[in-house]
Amino acid sequence: MGIGYTFRIARKLKAADGALLGVRLGRLCVRKDIPVSYVAAELGVTRQTIYNWFHGHAIICTTSVPEVKKLMSRIRAT
């Protein structure tokens, strides 16, 4: 799926606060090689929003948390 993640993105994810849901989502997507474009489409947000979540630059709004958790469960199951 997709072209994969760069070393730079993986390094930033490793350094980011793992307590944040967006960072955990990012780490999972890197581990499972799930493209940002797929995540963005599934959640109805932009790719930039996903990258901001991954790096901890933006917090996932409370109304989106259940959808993000469902998506993470589906990704884990693959």
C-alpha atoms as a PDB file:
ATOM      1  CA  MET A   1       0.000   0.000   0.000  1.00  0.00           C
ATOM      2  CA  GLY A   2       1.310   3.448  -0.831  1.00  0.00           C
ATOM      3  CA  ILE A   3       4.939   4.485  -1.038  1.00  0.00           C
ATOM      4  CA  GLY A   4       5.731   4.003   2.624  1.00  0.00           C
ATOM      5  CA  TYR A   5       7.004   6.335   5.285  1.00  0.00           C
ATOM      6  CA  THR A   6      10.281   8.192   5.309  1.00  0.00           C
ATOM      7  CA  PHE A   7      12.902   7.723   7.984  1.00  0.00           C
ATOM      8  CA  ARG A   8      12.286  11.354   9.007  1.00  0.00           C
ATOM      9  CA  ILE A   9       8.616  10.699   9.746  1.00  0.00           C
ATOM     10  CA  ALA A  10       9.404   7.519  11.665  1.00  0.00           C
ATOM     11  CA  ARG A  11      12.027   9.378  13.708  1.00  0.00           C
ATOM     12  CA  LYS A  12       9.590  12.194  14.543  1.00  0.00           C
ATOM     13  CA  LEU A  13       6.956   9.672  15.600  1.00  0.00           C
ATOM     14  CA  LYS A  14       9.442   7.948  17.872  1.00  0.00           C
ATOM     15  CA  ALA A  15      10.301  11.278  19.531  1.00  0.00           C
ATOM     16  CA  ALA A  16       6.663  12.405  19.894  1.00  0.00           C
ATOM     17  CA  ASP A  17       4.545  11.969  23.032  1.00  0.00           C
ATOM     18  CA  GLY A  18       3.191   8.415  22.913  1.00  0.00           C
ATOM     19  CA  ALA A  19       0.378   9.349  25.285  1.00  0.00           C
ATOM     20  CA  LEU A  20      -1.325  11.254  22.451  1.00  0.00           C
ATOM     21  CA  LEU A  21      -3.866   9.303  20.407  1.00  0.00           C
ATOM     22  CA  GLY A  22      -2.649  10.851  17.153  1.00  0.00           C
ATOM     23  CA  VAL A  23       0.925   9.755  17.829  1.00  0.00           C
ATOM     24  CA  ARG A  24      -0.251   6.228  18.637  1.00  0.00           C
ATOM     25  CA  LEU A  25      -2.233   6.253  15.379  1.00  0.00           C
ATOM     26  CA  GLY A  26       0.875   7.353  13.507  1.00  0.00           C
ATOM     27  CA  ARG A  27       3.056   4.657  15.027  1.00  0.00           C
ATOM     28  CA  LEU A  28       0.455   2.041  14.156  1.00  0.00           C
ATOM     29  CA  CYS A  29       0.194   3.285  10.570  1.00  0.00           C
ATOM     30  CA  VAL A  30       3.965   3.188  10.139  1.00  0.00           C
ATOM     31  CA  ARG A  31       4.154  -0.314  11.621  1.00  0.00           C
ATOM     32  CA  LYS A  32       1.348  -1.581   9.357  1.00  0.00           C
ATOM     33  CA  ASP A  33       2.350   0.584   6.346  1.00  0.00           C
ATOM     34  CA  ILE A  34      -1.055   2.260   6.131  1.00  0.00           C
ATOM     35  CA  PRO A  35      -0.912   5.388   3.927  1.00  0.00           C
ATOM     36  CA  VAL A  36      -1.813   8.788   5.319  1.00  0.00           C
ATOM     37  CA  SER A  37      -4.150   9.296   2.362  1.00  0.00           C
ATOM     38  CA  TYR A  38      -6.146   6.207   3.412  1.00  0.00           C
ATOM     39  CA  VAL A  39      -6.421   7.397   7.026  1.00  0.00           C
ATOM     40  CA  ALA A  40      -7.450  10.889   5.914  1.00  0.00           C
ATOM     41  CA  ALA A  41     -10.139   9.535   3.591  1.00  0.00           C
ATOM     42  CA  GLU A  42     -11.498   7.170   6.241  1.00  0.00           C
ATOM     43  CA  LEU A  43     -11.741   9.957   8.818  1.00  0.00           C
ATOM     44  CA  GLY A  44     -12.860  12.728   6.451  1.00  0.00           C
ATOM     45  CA  VAL A  45      -9.942  15.039   7.198  1.00  0.00           C
ATOM     46  CA  THR A  46      -6.958  16.305   5.225  1.00  0.00           C
ATOM     47  CA  ARG A  47      -3.610  14.559   4.976  1.00  0.00           C
ATOM     48  CA  GLN A  48      -2.038  17.573   6.689  1.00  0.00           C
ATOM     49  CA  THR A  49      -4.371  17.071   9.648  1.00  0.00           C
ATOM     50  CA  ILE A  50      -3.233  13.463   9.908  1.00  0.00           C
ATOM     51  CA  TYR A  51       0.427  14.498   9.851  1.00  0.00           C
ATOM     52  CA  ASN A  52      -0.290  17.104  12.542  1.00  0.00           C
ATOM     53  CA  TRP A  53      -1.884  14.410  14.693  1.00  0.00           C
ATOM     54  CA  PHE A  54       1.013  12.018  14.059  1.00  0.00           C
ATOM     55  CA  HIS A  55       3.580  14.554  15.246  1.00  0.00           C
ATOM     56  CA  GLY A  56       1.534  15.786  18.198  1.00  0.00           C
ATOM     57  CA  HIS A  57       1.143  19.270  16.717  1.00  0.00           C
ATOM     58  CA  ALA A  58      -2.646  19.017  16.923  1.00  0.00           C
ATOM     59  CA  ILE A  59      -4.941  17.136  19.270  1.00  0.00           C
ATOM     60  CA  ILE A  60      -7.736  14.977  17.870  1.00  0.00           C
ATOM     61  CA  CYS A  61     -11.047  16.633  18.715  1.00  0.00           C
ATOM     62  CA  THR A  62     -13.233  14.688  21.114  1.00  0.00           C
ATOM     63  CA  THR A  63     -15.943  14.118  18.496  1.00  0.00           C
ATOM     64  CA  SER A  64     -13.438  12.299  16.261  1.00  0.00           C
ATOM     65  CA  VAL A  65     -11.871  10.120  18.968  1.00  0.00           C
ATOM     66  CA  PRO A  66     -14.385   7.236  18.647  1.00  0.00           C
ATOM     67  CA  GLU A  67     -13.877   7.104  14.858  1.00  0.00           C
ATOM     68  CA  VAL A  68     -10.097   7.145  15.254  1.00  0.00           C
ATOM     69  CA  LYS A  69     -10.232   4.323  17.804  1.00  0.00           C
ATOM     70  CA  LYS A  70     -12.460   2.239  15.492  1.00  0.00           C
ATOM     71  CA  LEU A  71     -10.064   2.792  12.610  1.00  0.00           C
ATOM     72  CA  MET A  72      -7.124   1.811  14.804  1.00  0.00           C
ATOM     73  CA  SER A  73      -8.913  -1.416  15.743  1.00  0.00           C
ATOM     74  CA  ARG A  74      -9.483  -2.219  12.065  1.00  0.00           C
ATOM     75  CA  ILE A  75      -5.850  -1.492  11.253  1.00  0.00           C
ATOM     76  CA  ARG A  76      -4.629  -3.707  14.109  1.00  0.00           C
ATOM     77  CA  ALA A  77      -6.787  -6.542  12.776  1.00  0.00           C
ATOM     78  CA  THR A  78      -5.063  -6.473   9.378  1.00  0.00           C
END
